[in-house]
């Protein structure tokens, strides 16, 4: 059962690296490092680690870091990388309409 969890974590990291690099991760420096760490700690986590769950913590940290970097890049590309925007683009981005555009009517509240 522990092997299944480790493989699941390894696949999660490989997936994030694949999304970051947009291509194969096999043979890359990052994936080679992760595989070597998994092989070092494959016998037992208690053999080389200070705490019992140290390897799982490190794997979760790597995966969270990769996910956060990917999400940051998406947000940065969407909001920061465009430069100046028009008033209508800014209004649409925050969910407003300009005065000359038709208003969006709300549904009437039903009284009980």
PDB file of N, CA and C in Angstrom:
ATOM      1  N   UNK A   1       0.823  -1.192   0.000  1.00  0.00           N
ATOM      2  CA  UNK A   1       0.000   0.000   0.000  1.00  0.00           C
ATOM      3  C   UNK A   1       0.870   1.260   0.000  1.00  0.00           C
ATOM      4  N   UNK A   2       2.011   1.236   0.706  1.00  0.00           N
ATOM      5  CA  UNK A   2       2.895   2.400   0.743  1.00  0.00           C
ATOM      6  C   UNK A   2       3.513   2.637  -0.630  1.00  0.00           C
ATOM      7  N   UNK A   3       3.777   1.550  -1.367  1.00  0.00           N
ATOM      8  CA  UNK A   3       4.347   1.688  -2.708  1.00  0.00           C
ATOM      9  C   UNK A   3       3.368   2.390  -3.631  1.00  0.00           C
ATOM     10  N   UNK A   4       2.085   2.105  -3.489  1.00  0.00           N
ATOM     11  CA  UNK A   4       1.074   2.756  -4.302  1.00  0.00           C
ATOM     12  C   UNK A   4       1.052   4.251  -4.033  1.00  0.00           C
ATOM     13  N   UNK A   5       1.155   4.652  -2.771  1.00  0.00           N
ATOM     14  CA  UNK A   5       1.188   6.068  -2.426  1.00  0.00           C
ATOM     15  C   UNK A   5       2.415   6.756  -2.994  1.00  0.00           C
ATOM     16  N   UNK A   6       3.564   6.080  -2.929  1.00  0.00           N
ATOM     17  CA  UNK A   6       4.798   6.655  -3.466  1.00  0.00           C
ATOM     18  C   UNK A   6       4.712   6.800  -4.981  1.00  0.00           C
ATOM     19  N   UNK A   7       4.157   5.797  -5.651  1.00  0.00           N
ATOM     20  CA  UNK A   7       4.004   5.889  -7.101  1.00  0.00           C
ATOM     21  C   UNK A   7       3.030   6.994  -7.494  1.00  0.00           C
ATOM     22  N   UNK A   8       1.976   7.143  -6.704  1.00  0.00           N
ATOM     23  CA  UNK A   8       1.003   8.200  -6.965  1.00  0.00           C
ATOM     24  C   UNK A   8       1.663   9.571  -6.831  1.00  0.00           C
ATOM     25  N   UNK A   9       2.493   9.732  -5.810  1.00  0.00           N
ATOM     26  CA  UNK A   9       3.205  10.996  -5.615  1.00  0.00           C
ATOM     27  C   UNK A   9       4.196  11.242  -6.744  1.00  0.00           C
ATOM     28  N   UNK A  10       4.902  10.215  -7.157  1.00  0.00           N
ATOM     29  CA  UNK A  10       5.863  10.338  -8.247  1.00  0.00           C
ATOM     30  C   UNK A  10       5.162  10.710  -9.552  1.00  0.00           C
ATOM     31  N   UNK A  11       4.017  10.108  -9.806  1.00  0.00           N
ATOM     32  CA  UNK A  11       3.255  10.447 -11.008  1.00  0.00           C
ATOM     33  C   UNK A  11       2.750  11.889 -10.964  1.00  0.00           C
ATOM     34  N   UNK A  12       2.377  12.344  -9.776  1.00  0.00           N
ATOM     35  CA  UNK A  12       1.930  13.726  -9.633  1.00  0.00           C
ATOM     36  C   UNK A  12       3.040  14.715  -9.957  1.00  0.00           C
ATOM     37  N   UNK A  13       4.245  14.434  -9.475  1.00  0.00           N
ATOM     38  CA  UNK A  13       5.390  15.299  -9.768  1.00  0.00           C
ATOM     39  C   UNK A  13       5.725  15.241 -11.257  1.00  0.00           C
ATOM     40  N   UNK A  14       5.714  14.057 -11.829  1.00  0.00           N
ATOM     41  CA  UNK A  14       6.012  13.918 -13.257  1.00  0.00           C
ATOM     42  C   UNK A  14       4.980  14.677 -14.092  1.00  0.00           C
ATOM     43  N   UNK A  15       3.727  14.630 -13.675  1.00  0.00           N
ATOM     44  CA  UNK A  15       2.678  15.354 -14.392  1.00  0.00           C
ATOM     45  C   UNK A  15       2.922  16.856 -14.345  1.00  0.00           C
ATOM     46  N   UNK A  16       3.283  17.369 -13.185  1.00  0.00           N
ATOM     47  CA  UNK A  16       3.557  18.808 -13.066  1.00  0.00           C
ATOM     48  C   UNK A  16       4.774  19.211 -13.887  1.00  0.00           C
ATOM     49  N   UNK A  17       5.812  18.384 -13.871  1.00  0.00           N
ATOM     50  CA  UNK A  17       6.995  18.688 -14.686  1.00  0.00           C
ATOM     51  C   UNK A  17       6.653  18.657 -16.171  1.00  0.00           C
ATOM     52  N   UNK A  18       5.811  17.719 -16.562  1.00  0.00           N
ATOM     53  CA  UNK A  18       5.394  17.617 -17.955  1.00  0.00           C
ATOM     54  C   UNK A  18       4.628  18.864 -18.381  1.00  0.00           C
ATOM     55  N   UNK A  19       3.738  19.346 -17.514  1.00  0.00           N
ATOM     56  CA  UNK A  19       2.963  20.540 -17.831  1.00  0.00           C
ATOM     57  C   UNK A  19       3.852  21.779 -17.868  1.00  0.00           C
ATOM     58  N   UNK A  20       4.879  21.813 -17.030  1.00  0.00           N
ATOM     59  CA  UNK A  20       5.785  22.966 -17.002  1.00  0.00           C
ATOM     60  C   UNK A  20       6.689  22.985 -18.230  1.00  0.00           C
ATOM     61  N   UNK A  21       7.176  21.821 -18.645  1.00  0.00           N
ATOM     62  CA  UNK A  21       8.112  21.750 -19.769  1.00  0.00           C
ATOM     63  C   UNK A  21       7.429  21.554 -21.107  1.00  0.00           C
ATOM     64  N   UNK A  22       6.168  21.173 -21.100  1.00  0.00           N
ATOM     65  CA  UNK A  22       5.403  20.868 -22.307  1.00  0.00           C
ATOM     66  C   UNK A  22       6.173  19.871 -23.177  1.00  0.00           C
ATOM     67  N   UNK A  23       6.378  18.718 -22.641  1.00  0.00           N
ATOM     68  CA  UNK A  23       7.078  17.682 -23.391  1.00  0.00           C
ATOM     69  C   UNK A  23       7.452  16.524 -22.491  1.00  0.00           C
ATOM     70  N   UNK A  24       8.404  15.745 -22.944  1.00  0.00           N
ATOM     71  CA  UNK A  24       8.857  14.588 -22.183  1.00  0.00           C
ATOM     72  C   UNK A  24       9.680  15.037 -20.984  1.00  0.00           C
ATOM     73  N   UNK A  25       9.496  14.351 -19.873  1.00  0.00           N
ATOM     74  CA  UNK A  25      10.280  14.650 -18.684  1.00  0.00           C
ATOM     75  C   UNK A  25      11.336  13.587 -18.437  1.00  0.00           C
ATOM     76  N   UNK A  26      11.225  12.480 -19.139  1.00  0.00           N
ATOM     77  CA  UNK A  26      12.186  11.402 -18.952  1.00  0.00           C
ATOM     78  C   UNK A  26      13.555  11.868 -19.415  1.00  0.00           C
ATOM     79  N   UNK A  27      14.530  11.739 -18.537  1.00  0.00           N
ATOM     80  CA  UNK A  27      15.892  12.120 -18.872  1.00  0.00           C
ATOM     81  C   UNK A  27      16.235  13.563 -18.547  1.00  0.00           C
ATOM     82  N   UNK A  28      15.261  14.348 -18.076  1.00  0.00           N
ATOM     83  CA  UNK A  28      15.577  15.720 -17.700  1.00  0.00           C
ATOM     84  C   UNK A  28      16.262  15.729 -16.341  1.00  0.00           C
ATOM     85  N   UNK A  29      16.960  16.810 -16.062  1.00  0.00           N
ATOM     86  CA  UNK A  29      17.724  16.908 -14.825  1.00  0.00           C
ATOM     87  C   UNK A  29      16.806  16.844 -13.599  1.00  0.00           C
ATOM     88  N   UNK A  30      15.672  17.536 -13.656  1.00  0.00           N
ATOM     89  CA  UNK A  30      14.745  17.530 -12.530  1.00  0.00           C
ATOM     90  C   UNK A  30      14.169  16.158 -12.256  1.00  0.00           C
ATOM     91  N   UNK A  31      13.742  15.472 -13.304  1.00  0.00           N
ATOM     92  CA  UNK A  31      13.157  14.140 -13.122  1.00  0.00           C
ATOM     93  C   UNK A  31      14.205  13.129 -12.677  1.00  0.00           C
ATOM     94  N   UNK A  32      15.422  13.255 -13.187  1.00  0.00           N
ATOM     95  CA  UNK A  32      16.492  12.357 -12.744  1.00  0.00           C
ATOM     96  C   UNK A  32      16.761  12.521 -11.252  1.00  0.00           C
ATOM     97  N   UNK A  33      16.757  13.764 -10.773  1.00  0.00           N
ATOM     98  CA  UNK A  33      16.974  14.014  -9.345  1.00  0.00           C
ATOM     99  C   UNK A  33      15.861  13.389  -8.513  1.00  0.00           C
ATOM    100  N   UNK A  34      14.618  13.593  -8.926  1.00  0.00           N
ATOM    101  CA  UNK A  34      13.477  13.035  -8.192  1.00  0.00           C
ATOM    102  C   UNK A  34      13.544  11.508  -8.168  1.00  0.00           C
ATOM    103  N   UNK A  35      13.868  10.898  -9.304  1.00  0.00           N
ATOM    104  CA  UNK A  35      13.962   9.430  -9.357  1.00  0.00           C
ATOM    105  C   UNK A  35      15.074   8.919  -8.449  1.00  0.00           C
ATOM    106  N   UNK A  36      16.223   9.601  -8.436  1.00  0.00           N
ATOM    107  CA  UNK A  36      17.318   9.187  -7.556  1.00  0.00           C
ATOM    108  C   UNK A  36      16.919   9.284  -6.086  1.00  0.00           C
ATOM    109  N   UNK A  37      16.183  10.330  -5.717  1.00  0.00           N
ATOM    110  CA  UNK A  37      15.721  10.463  -4.334  1.00  0.00           C
ATOM    111  C   UNK A  37      14.735   9.352  -3.979  1.00  0.00           C
ATOM    112  N   UNK A  38      13.840   9.020  -4.900  1.00  0.00           N
ATOM    113  CA  UNK A  38      12.898   7.932  -4.639  1.00  0.00           C
ATOM    114  C   UNK A  38      13.638   6.601  -4.493  1.00  0.00           C
ATOM    115  N   UNK A  39      14.641   6.392  -5.313  1.00  0.00           N
ATOM    116  CA  UNK A  39      15.402   5.138  -5.218  1.00  0.00           C
ATOM    117  C   UNK A  39      16.186   5.058  -3.913  1.00  0.00           C
ATOM    118  N   UNK A  40      16.730   6.182  -3.462  1.00  0.00           N
ATOM    119  CA  UNK A  40      17.474   6.196  -2.195  1.00  0.00           C
ATOM    120  C   UNK A  40      16.577   5.804  -1.035  1.00  0.00           C
ATOM    121  N   UNK A  41      15.348   6.283  -1.057  1.00  0.00           N
ATOM    122  CA  UNK A  41      14.450   6.058   0.064  1.00  0.00           C
ATOM    123  C   UNK A  41      13.447   4.948  -0.196  1.00  0.00           C
ATOM    124  N   UNK A  42      13.719   4.097  -1.175  1.00  0.00           N
ATOM    125  CA  UNK A  42      12.741   3.063  -1.512  1.00  0.00           C
ATOM    126  C   UNK A  42      12.666   1.952  -0.468  1.00  0.00           C
ATOM    127  N   UNK A  43      13.756   1.661   0.239  1.00  0.00           N
ATOM    128  CA  UNK A  43      13.739   0.579   1.221  1.00  0.00           C
ATOM    129  C   UNK A  43      12.801   0.918   2.363  1.00  0.00           C
ATOM    130  N   UNK A  44      13.064   2.024   2.998  1.00  0.00           N
ATOM    131  CA  UNK A  44      12.195   2.501   4.064  1.00  0.00           C
ATOM    132  C   UNK A  44      12.468   3.977   4.273  1.00  0.00           C
ATOM    133  N   UNK A  45      11.464   4.693   4.646  1.00  0.00           N
ATOM    134  CA  UNK A  45      11.648   6.116   4.877  1.00  0.00           C
ATOM    135  C   UNK A  45      12.403   6.366   6.171  1.00  0.00           C
ATOM    136  N   UNK A  46      12.355   5.433   7.100  1.00  0.00           N
ATOM    137  CA  UNK A  46      12.992   5.624   8.388  1.00  0.00           C
ATOM    138  C   UNK A  46      14.500   5.387   8.329  1.00  0.00           C
ATOM    139  N   UNK A  47      15.000   4.772   7.280  1.00  0.00           N
ATOM    140  CA  UNK A  47      16.416   4.451   7.183  1.00  0.00           C
ATOM    141  C   UNK A  47      17.272   5.704   7.035  1.00  0.00           C
ATOM    142  N   UNK A  48      16.904   6.608   6.160  1.00  0.00           N
ATOM    143  CA  UNK A  48      17.712   7.778   5.891  1.00  0.00           C
ATOM    144  C   UNK A  48      17.085   9.085   6.355  1.00  0.00           C
ATOM    145  N   UNK A  49      15.846   9.061   6.784  1.00  0.00           N
ATOM    146  CA  UNK A  49      15.150  10.289   7.125  1.00  0.00           C
ATOM    147  C   UNK A  49      15.147  10.536   8.624  1.00  0.00           C
ATOM    148  N   UNK A  50      15.122  11.807   8.999  1.00  0.00           N
ATOM    149  CA  UNK A  50      15.087  12.162  10.409  1.00  0.00           C
ATOM    150  C   UNK A  50      13.723  11.858  11.013  1.00  0.00           C
ATOM    151  N   UNK A  51      12.688  12.107  10.251  1.00  0.00           N
ATOM    152  CA  UNK A  51      11.346  11.833  10.734  1.00  0.00           C
ATOM    153  C   UNK A  51      10.725  10.719   9.897  1.00  0.00           C
ATOM    154  N   UNK A  52       9.696  10.130  10.429  1.00  0.00           N
ATOM    155  CA  UNK A  52       9.086   8.989   9.761  1.00  0.00           C
ATOM    156  C   UNK A  52       8.467   9.378   8.424  1.00  0.00           C
ATOM    157  N   UNK A  53       7.861  10.542   8.326  1.00  0.00           N
ATOM    158  CA  UNK A  53       7.162  10.957   7.116  1.00  0.00           C
ATOM    159  C   UNK A  53       7.949  11.984   6.309  1.00  0.00           C
ATOM    160  N   UNK A  54       9.251  12.053   6.481  1.00  0.00           N
ATOM    161  CA  UNK A  54      10.080  13.087   5.853  1.00  0.00           C
ATOM    162  C   UNK A  54      10.007  13.040   4.320  1.00  0.00           C
ATOM    163  N   UNK A  55      10.077  11.862   3.727  1.00  0.00           N
ATOM    164  CA  UNK A  55      10.065  11.766   2.267  1.00  0.00           C
ATOM    165  C   UNK A  55       8.717  12.198   1.703  1.00  0.00           C
ATOM    166  N   UNK A  56       7.633  11.804   2.346  1.00  0.00           N
ATOM    167  CA  UNK A  56       6.311  12.230   1.886  1.00  0.00           C
ATOM    168  C   UNK A  56       6.178  13.740   1.974  1.00  0.00           C
ATOM    169  N   UNK A  57       6.722  14.331   3.021  1.00  0.00           N
ATOM    170  CA  UNK A  57       6.683  15.782   3.167  1.00  0.00           C
ATOM    171  C   UNK A  57       7.453  16.462   2.043  1.00  0.00           C
ATOM    172  N   UNK A  58       8.617  15.945   1.712  1.00  0.00           N
ATOM    173  CA  UNK A  58       9.427  16.526   0.643  1.00  0.00           C
ATOM    174  C   UNK A  58       8.726  16.400  -0.711  1.00  0.00           C
ATOM    175  N   UNK A  59       8.115  15.265  -0.966  1.00  0.00           N
ATOM    176  CA  UNK A  59       7.397  15.053  -2.228  1.00  0.00           C
ATOM    177  C   UNK A  59       6.225  16.026  -2.330  1.00  0.00           C
ATOM    178  N   UNK A  60       5.471  16.174  -1.250  1.00  0.00           N
ATOM    179  CA  UNK A  60       4.363  17.116  -1.257  1.00  0.00           C
ATOM    180  C   UNK A  60       4.851  18.542  -1.460  1.00  0.00           C
ATOM    181  N   UNK A  61       6.001  18.872  -0.892  1.00  0.00           N
ATOM    182  CA  UNK A  61       6.569  20.204  -1.058  1.00  0.00           C
ATOM    183  C   UNK A  61       6.962  20.443  -2.508  1.00  0.00           C
ATOM    184  N   UNK A  62       7.629  19.488  -3.141  1.00  0.00           N
ATOM    185  CA  UNK A  62       8.003  19.618  -4.560  1.00  0.00           C
ATOM    186  C   UNK A  62       6.766  19.794  -5.437  1.00  0.00           C
ATOM    187  N   UNK A  63       5.759  18.958  -5.195  1.00  0.00           N
ATOM    188  CA  UNK A  63       4.551  19.008  -6.025  1.00  0.00           C
ATOM    189  C   UNK A  63       3.816  20.325  -5.840  1.00  0.00           C
ATOM    190  N   UNK A  64       3.707  20.788  -4.606  1.00  0.00           N
ATOM    191  CA  UNK A  64       3.050  22.070  -4.348  1.00  0.00           C
ATOM    192  C   UNK A  64       3.793  23.212  -5.011  1.00  0.00           C
ATOM    193  N   UNK A  65       5.115  23.169  -4.964  1.00  0.00           N
ATOM    194  CA  UNK A  65       5.927  24.206  -5.597  1.00  0.00           C
ATOM    195  C   UNK A  65       5.693  24.231  -7.109  1.00  0.00           C
ATOM    196  N   UNK A  66       5.694  23.062  -7.723  1.00  0.00           N
ATOM    197  CA  UNK A  66       5.492  22.996  -9.172  1.00  0.00           C
ATOM    198  C   UNK A  66       4.087  23.454  -9.567  1.00  0.00           C
ATOM    199  N   UNK A  67       3.070  23.054  -8.799  1.00  0.00           N
ATOM    200  CA  UNK A  67       1.702  23.497  -9.076  1.00  0.00           C
ATOM    201  C   UNK A  67       1.592  25.012  -8.935  1.00  0.00           C
ATOM    202  N   UNK A  68       2.199  25.551  -7.895  1.00  0.00           N
ATOM    203  CA  UNK A  68       2.127  26.992  -7.654  1.00  0.00           C
ATOM    204  C   UNK A  68       2.823  27.775  -8.751  1.00  0.00           C
ATOM    205  N   UNK A  69       3.953  27.287  -9.219  1.00  0.00           N
ATOM    206  CA  UNK A  69       4.652  27.962 -10.308  1.00  0.00           C
ATOM    207  C   UNK A  69       3.824  27.965 -11.586  1.00  0.00           C
ATOM    208  N   UNK A  70       3.168  26.850 -11.867  1.00  0.00           N
ATOM    209  CA  UNK A  70       2.334  26.761 -13.059  1.00  0.00           C
ATOM    210  C   UNK A  70       1.145  27.716 -12.959  1.00  0.00           C
ATOM    211  N   UNK A  71       0.492  27.720 -11.790  1.00  0.00           N
ATOM    212  CA  UNK A  71      -0.655  28.611 -11.599  1.00  0.00           C
ATOM    213  C   UNK A  71      -0.234  30.081 -11.658  1.00  0.00           C
ATOM    214  N   UNK A  72       0.923  30.413 -11.097  1.00  0.00           N
ATOM    215  CA  UNK A  72       1.420  31.782 -11.148  1.00  0.00           C
ATOM    216  C   UNK A  72       1.662  32.203 -12.593  1.00  0.00           C
ATOM    217  N   UNK A  73       2.239  31.321 -13.383  1.00  0.00           N
ATOM    218  CA  UNK A  73       2.512  31.662 -14.779  1.00  0.00           C
ATOM    219  C   UNK A  73       1.220  31.913 -15.545  1.00  0.00           C
ATOM    220  N   UNK A  74       0.199  31.107 -15.296  1.00  0.00           N
ATOM    221  CA  UNK A  74      -1.092  31.303 -15.952  1.00  0.00           C
ATOM    222  C   UNK A  74      -1.674  32.669 -15.587  1.00  0.00           C
ATOM    223  N   UNK A  75      -1.670  32.988 -14.298  1.00  0.00           N
ATOM    224  CA  UNK A  75      -2.202  34.281 -13.868  1.00  0.00           C
ATOM    225  C   UNK A  75      -1.363  35.443 -14.386  1.00  0.00           C
ATOM    226  N   UNK A  76      -0.057  35.288 -14.367  1.00  0.00           N
ATOM    227  CA  UNK A  76       0.823  36.345 -14.850  1.00  0.00           C
ATOM    228  C   UNK A  76       0.602  36.602 -16.337  1.00  0.00           C
ATOM    229  N   UNK A  77       0.461  35.547 -17.107  1.00  0.00           N
ATOM    230  CA  UNK A  77       0.218  35.719 -18.538  1.00  0.00           C
ATOM    231  C   UNK A  77      -1.134  36.387 -18.797  1.00  0.00           C
ATOM    232  N   UNK A  78      -2.126  36.065 -17.977  1.00  0.00           N
ATOM    233  CA  UNK A  78      -3.463  36.602 -18.209  1.00  0.00           C
ATOM    234  C   UNK A  78      -3.587  38.067 -17.805  1.00  0.00           C
ATOM    235  N   UNK A  79      -2.989  38.451 -16.678  1.00  0.00           N
ATOM    236  CA  UNK A  79      -3.248  39.786 -16.153  1.00  0.00           C
ATOM    237  C   UNK A  79      -2.084  40.768 -16.295  1.00  0.00           C
ATOM    238  N   UNK A  80      -0.844  40.305 -16.285  1.00  0.00           N
ATOM    239  CA  UNK A  80       0.289  41.226 -16.266  1.00  0.00           C
ATOM    240  C   UNK A  80       0.996  41.387 -17.601  1.00  0.00           C
ATOM    241  N   UNK A  81       0.961  40.420 -18.420  1.00  0.00           N
ATOM    242  CA  UNK A  81       1.822  40.432 -19.591  1.00  0.00           C
ATOM    243  C   UNK A  81       1.241  41.200 -20.778  1.00  0.00           C
ATOM    244  N   UNK A  82       0.114  41.852 -20.635  1.00  0.00           N
ATOM    245  CA  UNK A  82      -0.517  42.489 -21.778  1.00  0.00           C
ATOM    246  C   UNK A  82      -0.228  43.978 -21.903  1.00  0.00           C
ATOM    247  N   UNK A  83       0.194  44.626 -20.869  1.00  0.00           N
ATOM    248  CA  UNK A  83       0.418  46.063 -20.937  1.00  0.00           C
ATOM    249  C   UNK A  83      -0.881  46.821 -20.722  1.00  0.00           C
ATOM    250  N   UNK A  84      -1.048  47.919 -21.436  1.00  0.00           N
ATOM    251  CA  UNK A  84      -2.235  48.766 -21.290  1.00  0.00           C
ATOM    252  C   UNK A  84      -3.475  48.092 -21.875  1.00  0.00           C
ATOM    253  N   UNK A  85      -4.597  48.302 -21.201  1.00  0.00           N
ATOM    254  CA  UNK A  85      -5.883  47.789 -21.668  1.00  0.00           C
ATOM    255  C   UNK A  85      -6.836  48.951 -21.882  1.00  0.00           C
ATOM    256  N   UNK A  86      -7.821  48.713 -22.708  1.00  0.00           N
ATOM    257  CA  UNK A  86      -8.847  49.730 -22.899  1.00  0.00           C
ATOM    258  C   UNK A  86      -9.813  49.695 -21.721  1.00  0.00           C
ATOM    259  N   UNK A  87     -10.645  50.719 -21.628  1.00  0.00           N
ATOM    260  CA  UNK A  87     -11.630  50.797 -20.555  1.00  0.00           C
ATOM    261  C   UNK A  87     -12.621  49.645 -20.666  1.00  0.00           C
ATOM    262  N   UNK A  88     -13.038  49.320 -21.875  1.00  0.00           N
ATOM    263  CA  UNK A  88     -14.014  48.230 -22.042  1.00  0.00           C
ATOM    264  C   UNK A  88     -13.414  46.875 -21.661  1.00  0.00           C
ATOM    265  N   UNK A  89     -12.131  46.663 -21.980  1.00  0.00           N
ATOM    266  CA  UNK A  89     -11.494  45.403 -21.585  1.00  0.00           C
ATOM    267  C   UNK A  89     -11.397  45.294 -20.069  1.00  0.00           C
ATOM    268  N   UNK A  90     -11.042  46.394 -19.410  1.00  0.00           N
ATOM    269  CA  UNK A  90     -10.946  46.387 -17.951  1.00  0.00           C
ATOM    270  C   UNK A  90     -12.311  46.155 -17.323  1.00  0.00           C
ATOM    271  N   UNK A  91     -13.353  46.786 -17.865  1.00  0.00           N
ATOM    272  CA  UNK A  91     -14.701  46.596 -17.334  1.00  0.00           C
ATOM    273  C   UNK A  91     -15.152  45.149 -17.483  1.00  0.00           C
ATOM    274  N   UNK A  92     -14.893  44.547 -18.627  1.00  0.00           N
ATOM    275  CA  UNK A  92     -15.267  43.134 -18.846  1.00  0.00           C
ATOM    276  C   UNK A  92     -14.501  42.216 -17.895  1.00  0.00           C
ATOM    277  N   UNK A  93     -13.230  42.558 -17.628  1.00  0.00           N
ATOM    278  CA  UNK A  93     -12.402  41.718 -16.772  1.00  0.00           C
ATOM    279  C   UNK A  93     -12.956  41.662 -15.347  1.00  0.00           C
ATOM    280  N   UNK A  94     -13.513  42.771 -14.852  1.00  0.00           N
ATOM    281  CA  UNK A  94     -14.058  42.783 -13.496  1.00  0.00           C
ATOM    282  C   UNK A  94     -15.562  42.539 -13.451  1.00  0.00           C
ATOM    283  N   UNK A  95     -16.207  42.382 -14.624  1.00  0.00           N
ATOM    284  CA  UNK A  95     -17.610  42.003 -14.658  1.00  0.00           C
ATOM    285  C   UNK A  95     -18.593  43.157 -14.764  1.00  0.00           C
ATOM    286  N   UNK A  96     -18.148  44.310 -15.228  1.00  0.00           N
ATOM    287  CA  UNK A  96     -19.035  45.461 -15.393  1.00  0.00           C
ATOM    288  C   UNK A  96     -19.355  45.681 -16.858  1.00  0.00           C
ATOM    289  N   UNK A  97     -20.436  46.429 -17.099  1.00  0.00           N
ATOM    290  CA  UNK A  97     -20.789  46.886 -18.439  1.00  0.00           C
ATOM    291  C   UNK A  97     -20.562  48.385 -18.506  1.00  0.00           C
ATOM    292  N   UNK A  98     -20.265  48.875 -19.681  1.00  0.00           N
ATOM    293  CA  UNK A  98     -20.132  50.310 -19.883  1.00  0.00           C
ATOM    294  C   UNK A  98     -21.518  50.930 -20.010  1.00  0.00           C
ATOM    295  N   UNK A  99     -21.649  52.256 -19.807  1.00  0.00           N
ATOM    296  CA  UNK A  99     -22.976  52.886 -19.839  1.00  0.00           C
ATOM    297  C   UNK A  99     -23.717  52.722 -21.166  1.00  0.00           C
ATOM    298  N   UNK A 100     -23.015  52.656 -22.269  1.00  0.00           N
ATOM    299  CA  UNK A 100     -23.694  52.537 -23.549  1.00  0.00           C
ATOM    300  C   UNK A 100     -24.052  51.089 -23.915  1.00  0.00           C
ATOM    301  N   UNK A 101     -23.646  50.119 -23.107  1.00  0.00           N
ATOM    302  CA  UNK A 101     -23.982  48.713 -23.349  1.00  0.00           C
ATOM    303  C   UNK A 101     -25.294  48.384 -22.645  1.00  0.00           C
ATOM    304  N   UNK A 102     -26.046  47.409 -23.160  1.00  0.00           N
ATOM    305  CA  UNK A 102     -27.311  47.055 -22.501  1.00  0.00           C
ATOM    306  C   UNK A 102     -27.064  46.490 -21.104  1.00  0.00           C
ATOM    307  N   UNK A 103     -27.969  46.831 -20.191  1.00  0.00           N
ATOM    308  CA  UNK A 103     -27.852  46.361 -18.814  1.00  0.00           C
ATOM    309  C   UNK A 103     -28.273  44.901 -18.714  1.00  0.00           C
ATOM    310  N   UNK A 104     -27.664  44.222 -17.785  1.00  0.00           N
ATOM    311  CA  UNK A 104     -28.042  42.841 -17.490  1.00  0.00           C
ATOM    312  C   UNK A 104     -29.051  42.905 -16.353  1.00  0.00           C
ATOM    313  N   UNK A 105     -30.267  42.457 -16.625  1.00  0.00           N
ATOM    314  CA  UNK A 105     -31.319  42.524 -15.621  1.00  0.00           C
ATOM    315  C   UNK A 105     -31.224  41.333 -14.688  1.00  0.00           C
ATOM    316  N   UNK A 106     -31.438  41.623 -13.425  1.00  0.00           N
ATOM    317  CA  UNK A 106     -31.448  40.554 -12.429  1.00  0.00           C
ATOM    318  C   UNK A 106     -32.826  39.901 -12.396  1.00  0.00           C
ATOM    319  N   UNK A 107     -32.842  38.672 -11.961  1.00  0.00           N
ATOM    320  CA  UNK A 107     -34.120  37.974 -11.817  1.00  0.00           C
ATOM    321  C   UNK A 107     -34.891  38.580 -10.643  1.00  0.00           C
ATOM    322  N   UNK A 108     -36.187  38.760 -10.793  1.00  0.00           N
ATOM    323  CA  UNK A 108     -36.967  39.327  -9.679  1.00  0.00           C
ATOM    324  C   UNK A 108     -37.032  38.322  -8.528  1.00  0.00           C
ATOM    325  N   UNK A 109     -36.993  38.849  -7.321  1.00  0.00           N
ATOM    326  CA  UNK A 109     -37.090  37.989  -6.144  1.00  0.00           C
ATOM    327  C   UNK A 109     -38.536  37.532  -5.952  1.00  0.00           C
ATOM    328  N   UNK A 110     -38.665  36.274  -5.622  1.00  0.00           N
ATOM    329  CA  UNK A 110     -39.993  35.703  -5.412  1.00  0.00           C
ATOM    330  C   UNK A 110     -40.321  35.831  -3.932  1.00  0.00           C
ATOM    331  N   UNK A 111     -41.475  36.486  -3.622  1.00  0.00           N
ATOM    332  CA  UNK A 111     -41.908  36.626  -2.229  1.00  0.00           C
ATOM    333  C   UNK A 111     -42.673  35.390  -1.832  1.00  0.00           C
ATOM    334  N   UNK A 112     -42.419  34.946  -0.619  1.00  0.00           N
ATOM    335  CA  UNK A 112     -43.092  33.746  -0.118  1.00  0.00           C
ATOM    336  C   UNK A 112     -44.233  34.119   0.776  1.00  0.00           C
TER     337      UNK A 112
END
